Amino acid sequence: MQRFLFISILLLSVGTLFSQEGTPFELKGRVVDSETGDPITFASIVITTRKKGLASNHIGEFEFEAQVGDVVKITSIGYNDYHLILTEDFAKEENRITFFMDSKAYVLDSVVVFHMTDNFYLKKKKWDTLQVENPYLNTVNPTDWSKTQFIPNTDGTAGVSIAGLLNVFDKKHKQQQRLKKLEEASEFEKERKAKIDAKFNKKLVKRVTRIDDRVIDEFMDFCDFRDAEILYASEYELTMKILDRYKAFLIR
């Protein structure tokens, strides 16, 4: 009889334990800075055991349906990750629970300061000019080369049209210069675009915001960063810019 009673109590305890595990309840929380007490807006709250998540609102609060035994991970840029396992105490709590997150220390790259010499910047390159000496030119009364000139042959017959030849060579040279400048500008734009795409892309945006793939293109267009903002910003500065635009994107 005692043995039967012991087995019944054991089965009842195990059943109670399993019934408590996975019991659904409404978890209400608020994420704040552990030092200042300021709310942490748009922090990422993920239930890792069920691969579900959401973000805290503009005052750091959040609500979602959870279960006893769920593992929750809270992350935000500039803070250490926060992990917790939901126990019965969370299920019994009726008030909003405050989660304090510690700031993360960033190690910045070292900066080298050096002195620039006076000739640090390159001086403008001087173009070599071709000096043409013509025995037929009169230095006292120079010829008007805006008009076509002829150099007569020694036998008195008509010679060569000098102005016409110079105009032909001059136009060809200018066309080559324009073509070269266009090619250099095109190459410069390609390199500039490659640098921008390397710093600001979908992979970075998804890692920072965890945004849905269906709206990532719309969000990147919404950011509307200038090229210089992307090129000359550090990774941390660019991350903060993306987060600021993401906040505006969510409440637009």
Protein backbone atom coordinates (compact mmCIF):
# COMPACT_ATOMS: atom_id res chain seq x y z
CA MET A 1 0.00 0.00 0.00
CA GLN A 2 2.86 2.40 0.90
CA ARG A 3 4.65 1.48 -2.30
CA PHE A 4 1.54 2.26 -4.37
CA LEU A 5 1.10 5.59 -2.57
CA PHE A 6 4.78 6.53 -3.24
CA ILE A 7 4.43 5.74 -6.96
CA SER A 8 1.23 7.80 -7.20
CA ILE A 9 2.86 10.83 -5.55
CA LEU A 10 5.90 10.48 -7.84
CA LEU A 11 3.75 10.36 -10.99
CA LEU A 12 1.72 13.33 -9.80
CA SER A 13 4.90 15.36 -9.17
CA VAL A 14 6.31 14.53 -12.60
CA GLY A 15 3.00 15.43 -14.26
CA THR A 16 2.91 18.73 -12.38
CA LEU A 17 6.50 19.45 -13.42
CA PHE A 18 5.80 18.79 -17.09
CA SER A 19 2.58 20.79 -16.98
CA GLN A 20 4.49 23.79 -15.59
CA GLU A 21 7.18 23.57 -18.29
CA GLY A 22 5.90 25.31 -21.41
CA THR A 23 3.00 27.07 -19.66
CA PRO A 24 2.16 30.19 -21.73
CA PHE A 25 1.97 33.62 -20.12
CA GLU A 26 2.25 37.30 -21.10
CA LEU A 27 5.74 38.67 -20.44
CA LYS A 28 5.84 42.44 -19.98
CA GLY A 29 9.25 44.05 -19.78
CA ARG A 30 11.24 47.27 -20.07
CA VAL A 31 14.88 47.55 -21.17
CA VAL A 32 16.96 50.32 -19.54
CA ASP A 33 20.59 51.40 -19.17
CA SER A 34 22.03 50.01 -15.93
CA GLU A 35 23.95 53.22 -15.18
CA THR A 36 21.60 56.02 -16.23
CA GLY A 37 18.24 54.25 -16.09
CA ASP A 38 17.37 55.66 -19.50
CA PRO A 39 15.17 53.45 -21.72
CA ILE A 40 16.94 51.55 -24.52
CA THR A 41 14.79 52.02 -27.60
CA PHE A 42 14.45 49.41 -30.34
CA ALA A 43 16.43 46.75 -28.48
CA SER A 44 16.16 43.29 -30.05
CA ILE A 45 14.36 40.67 -27.92
CA VAL A 46 14.64 37.14 -29.33
CA ILE A 47 13.23 33.85 -27.99
CA THR A 48 16.12 31.65 -29.11
CA THR A 49 14.34 28.39 -28.28
CA ARG A 50 11.52 29.19 -30.72
CA LYS A 51 13.31 31.59 -33.10
CA LYS A 52 10.83 34.41 -32.53
CA GLY A 53 11.56 38.01 -31.72
CA LEU A 54 10.51 41.65 -31.59
CA ALA A 55 11.93 45.08 -30.71
CA SER A 56 11.32 47.34 -27.74
CA ASN A 57 9.33 50.50 -28.48
CA HIS A 58 10.43 54.15 -28.22
CA ILE A 59 10.36 54.00 -24.40
CA GLY A 60 12.08 50.62 -24.14
CA GLU A 61 8.95 48.57 -23.35
CA PHE A 62 7.84 45.29 -24.92
CA GLU A 63 5.19 42.58 -24.49
CA PHE A 64 4.92 39.09 -25.95
CA GLU A 65 3.50 35.66 -25.21
CA ALA A 66 6.16 33.44 -23.65
CA GLN A 67 6.40 30.04 -22.03
CA VAL A 68 8.12 28.79 -18.91
CA GLY A 69 11.49 27.40 -19.99
CA ASP A 70 11.99 29.79 -22.93
CA VAL A 71 15.48 31.19 -23.40
CA VAL A 72 15.44 34.94 -24.15
CA LYS A 73 18.30 37.03 -25.57
CA ILE A 74 18.23 40.85 -25.48
CA THR A 75 20.71 42.77 -27.62
CA SER A 76 21.33 46.40 -28.54
CA ILE A 77 24.18 48.31 -30.16
CA GLY A 78 26.59 49.59 -27.51
CA TYR A 79 25.49 47.10 -24.80
CA ASN A 80 26.51 43.63 -23.67
CA ASP A 81 24.08 40.85 -24.60
CA TYR A 82 21.52 39.90 -21.93
CA HIS A 83 20.48 36.22 -21.57
CA LEU A 84 17.81 34.75 -19.29
CA ILE A 85 15.66 31.65 -18.86
CA LEU A 86 11.99 32.26 -18.11
CA THR A 87 10.99 30.54 -14.85
CA GLU A 88 7.71 30.35 -12.95
CA ASP A 89 8.63 33.59 -11.15
CA PHE A 90 8.34 35.46 -14.44
CA ALA A 91 4.95 33.85 -15.10
CA LYS A 92 3.67 34.91 -11.66
CA GLU A 93 4.92 38.51 -11.99
CA GLU A 94 2.01 40.85 -12.76
CA ASN A 95 4.00 44.11 -12.99
CA ARG A 96 6.30 45.09 -15.83
CA ILE A 97 9.78 43.63 -15.32
CA THR A 98 12.81 45.91 -15.77
CA PHE A 99 15.89 44.49 -17.48
CA PHE A 100 19.14 46.41 -16.86
CA MET A 101 21.75 46.27 -19.62
CA ASP A 102 25.44 47.13 -19.15
CA SER A 103 27.27 49.38 -21.62
CA LYS A 104 29.88 47.77 -23.83
CA ALA A 105 33.36 49.28 -24.04
CA TYR A 106 34.69 49.77 -27.57
CA VAL A 107 38.40 49.62 -28.36
CA LEU A 108 39.20 52.18 -31.05
CA ASP A 109 42.08 51.95 -33.49
CA SER A 110 45.21 53.92 -32.64
CA VAL A 111 45.79 57.27 -34.38
CA VAL A 112 49.21 58.34 -35.68
CA VAL A 113 49.83 62.12 -35.89
CA PHE A 114 52.58 63.31 -38.22
CA HIS A 115 53.82 66.64 -39.53
CA MET A 116 53.34 67.57 -43.19
CA THR A 117 56.26 69.18 -44.95
CA ASP A 118 55.86 72.24 -47.12
CA ASN A 119 56.17 70.19 -50.30
CA PHE A 120 53.70 67.52 -49.16
CA TYR A 121 51.10 68.47 -51.75
CA LEU A 122 52.01 67.85 -55.35
CA LYS A 123 52.56 70.94 -57.44
CA LYS A 124 50.69 71.35 -60.65
CA LYS A 125 52.47 69.60 -63.47
CA LYS A 126 53.71 71.87 -66.22
CA TRP A 127 52.86 70.75 -69.71
CA ASP A 128 55.69 70.68 -72.20
CA THR A 129 55.06 72.91 -75.17
CA LEU A 130 56.40 72.38 -78.63
CA GLN A 131 58.30 75.37 -79.89
CA VAL A 132 58.04 75.62 -83.68
CA GLU A 133 60.59 77.75 -85.39
CA ASN A 134 59.61 78.95 -88.82
CA PRO A 135 61.99 81.03 -90.89
CA TYR A 136 59.01 82.59 -92.66
CA LEU A 137 57.62 84.12 -89.45
CA ASN A 138 58.28 87.78 -88.97
CA THR A 139 58.82 88.66 -85.29
CA VAL A 140 58.49 92.38 -85.96
CA ASN A 141 55.18 92.11 -87.83
CA PRO A 142 53.80 88.72 -86.74
CA THR A 143 51.54 86.82 -89.08
CA ASP A 144 47.82 86.60 -88.27
CA TRP A 145 47.43 82.86 -87.79
CA SER A 146 43.67 83.16 -87.35
CA LYS A 147 43.66 83.24 -91.13
CA THR A 148 44.93 80.64 -93.54
CA GLN A 149 48.59 81.26 -94.44
CA PHE A 150 50.64 79.79 -97.26
CA ILE A 151 54.36 79.13 -97.27
CA PRO A 152 55.48 79.56 -100.88
CA ASN A 153 57.89 77.18 -102.52
CA THR A 154 61.29 78.43 -103.57
CA ASP A 155 60.22 78.36 -107.23
CA GLY A 156 57.44 80.89 -106.51
CA THR A 157 54.55 78.44 -106.70
CA ALA A 158 51.88 78.05 -103.97
CA GLY A 159 53.09 76.10 -100.96
CA VAL A 160 51.55 74.50 -97.88
CA SER A 161 48.52 75.76 -95.90
CA ILE A 162 49.94 76.02 -92.36
CA ALA A 163 46.84 77.26 -90.47
CA GLY A 164 44.71 74.42 -91.84
CA LEU A 165 47.17 71.75 -90.67
CA LEU A 166 47.51 73.30 -87.19
CA ASN A 167 43.73 73.40 -86.76
CA VAL A 168 43.43 69.70 -87.67
CA PHE A 169 46.11 68.64 -85.16
CA ASP A 170 44.69 70.92 -82.47
CA LYS A 171 41.14 69.45 -82.78
CA LYS A 172 42.44 65.90 -82.68
CA HIS A 173 44.51 66.64 -79.57
CA LYS A 174 41.52 68.23 -77.80
CA GLN A 175 39.31 65.26 -78.65
CA GLN A 176 41.89 62.88 -77.20
CA GLN A 177 42.07 64.96 -74.04
CA ARG A 178 38.27 64.97 -73.63
CA LEU A 179 38.13 61.20 -74.19
CA LYS A 180 40.84 60.63 -71.60
CA LYS A 181 39.02 62.78 -69.04
CA LEU A 182 35.77 60.89 -69.65
CA GLU A 183 37.55 57.55 -69.17
CA GLU A 184 39.20 58.75 -65.96
CA ALA A 185 35.87 60.05 -64.64
CA SER A 186 34.14 56.75 -65.44
CA GLU A 187 36.87 54.74 -63.68
CA PHE A 188 36.72 57.06 -60.67
CA GLU A 189 32.94 56.59 -60.37
CA LYS A 190 33.31 52.80 -60.56
CA GLU A 191 35.89 52.77 -57.77
CA ARG A 192 33.81 55.17 -55.66
CA LYS A 193 30.65 53.05 -56.06
CA ALA A 194 32.58 49.88 -55.14
CA LYS A 195 33.83 51.53 -51.92
CA ILE A 196 30.31 52.70 -51.02
CA ASP A 197 28.80 49.25 -51.67
CA ALA A 198 31.52 47.64 -49.55
CA LYS A 199 30.64 49.85 -46.53
CA PHE A 200 26.84 50.20 -46.88
CA ASN A 201 25.09 47.03 -48.05
CA LYS A 202 22.22 44.68 -47.22
CA LYS A 203 24.44 42.40 -45.13
CA LEU A 204 25.40 45.26 -42.79
CA VAL A 205 21.84 46.64 -42.61
CA LYS A 206 20.39 43.20 -41.73
CA ARG A 207 23.07 42.63 -39.08
CA VAL A 208 22.40 46.00 -37.43
CA THR A 209 18.58 46.17 -37.67
CA ARG A 210 17.49 42.55 -38.31
CA ILE A 211 15.03 44.02 -40.79
CA ASP A 212 12.72 41.86 -42.89
CA ASP A 213 13.97 41.04 -46.41
CA ARG A 214 10.69 42.28 -47.87
CA VAL A 215 11.32 45.88 -46.83
CA ILE A 216 15.14 46.09 -46.77
CA ASP A 217 15.31 47.76 -50.22
CA GLU A 218 12.70 50.32 -49.17
CA PHE A 219 14.59 51.03 -45.94
CA MET A 220 17.95 51.49 -47.72
CA ASP A 221 16.31 53.98 -50.09
CA PHE A 222 14.77 55.68 -47.05
CA CYS A 223 18.24 56.14 -45.48
CA ASP A 224 19.23 58.42 -48.41
CA PHE A 225 22.82 58.79 -47.18
CA ARG A 226 25.15 61.05 -49.13
CA ASP A 227 28.20 59.34 -50.62
CA ALA A 228 30.53 61.31 -48.35
CA GLU A 229 28.59 60.22 -45.23
CA ILE A 230 29.28 56.59 -46.11
CA LEU A 231 32.85 56.94 -47.40
CA TYR A 232 34.27 58.96 -44.52
CA ALA A 233 32.28 57.46 -41.61
CA SER A 234 33.81 54.81 -39.35
CA GLU A 235 32.02 51.49 -38.92
CA TYR A 236 30.64 52.63 -35.54
CA GLU A 237 29.45 55.99 -36.90
CA LEU A 238 27.78 54.33 -39.88
CA THR A 239 26.07 51.82 -37.56
CA MET A 240 24.64 54.63 -35.44
CA LYS A 241 23.43 56.47 -38.55
CA ILE A 242 21.63 53.30 -39.72
CA LEU A 243 19.97 52.88 -36.31
CA ASP A 244 18.79 56.50 -36.28
CA ARG A 245 17.24 56.11 -39.73
CA TYR A 246 15.69 52.77 -38.67
CA LYS A 247 13.93 54.48 -35.76
CA ALA A 248 12.51 57.07 -38.15
CA PHE A 249 11.56 54.32 -40.60
CA LEU A 250 9.53 52.43 -37.98
CA ILE A 251 7.47 55.47 -36.93
CA ARG A 252 7.16 57.13 -40.36
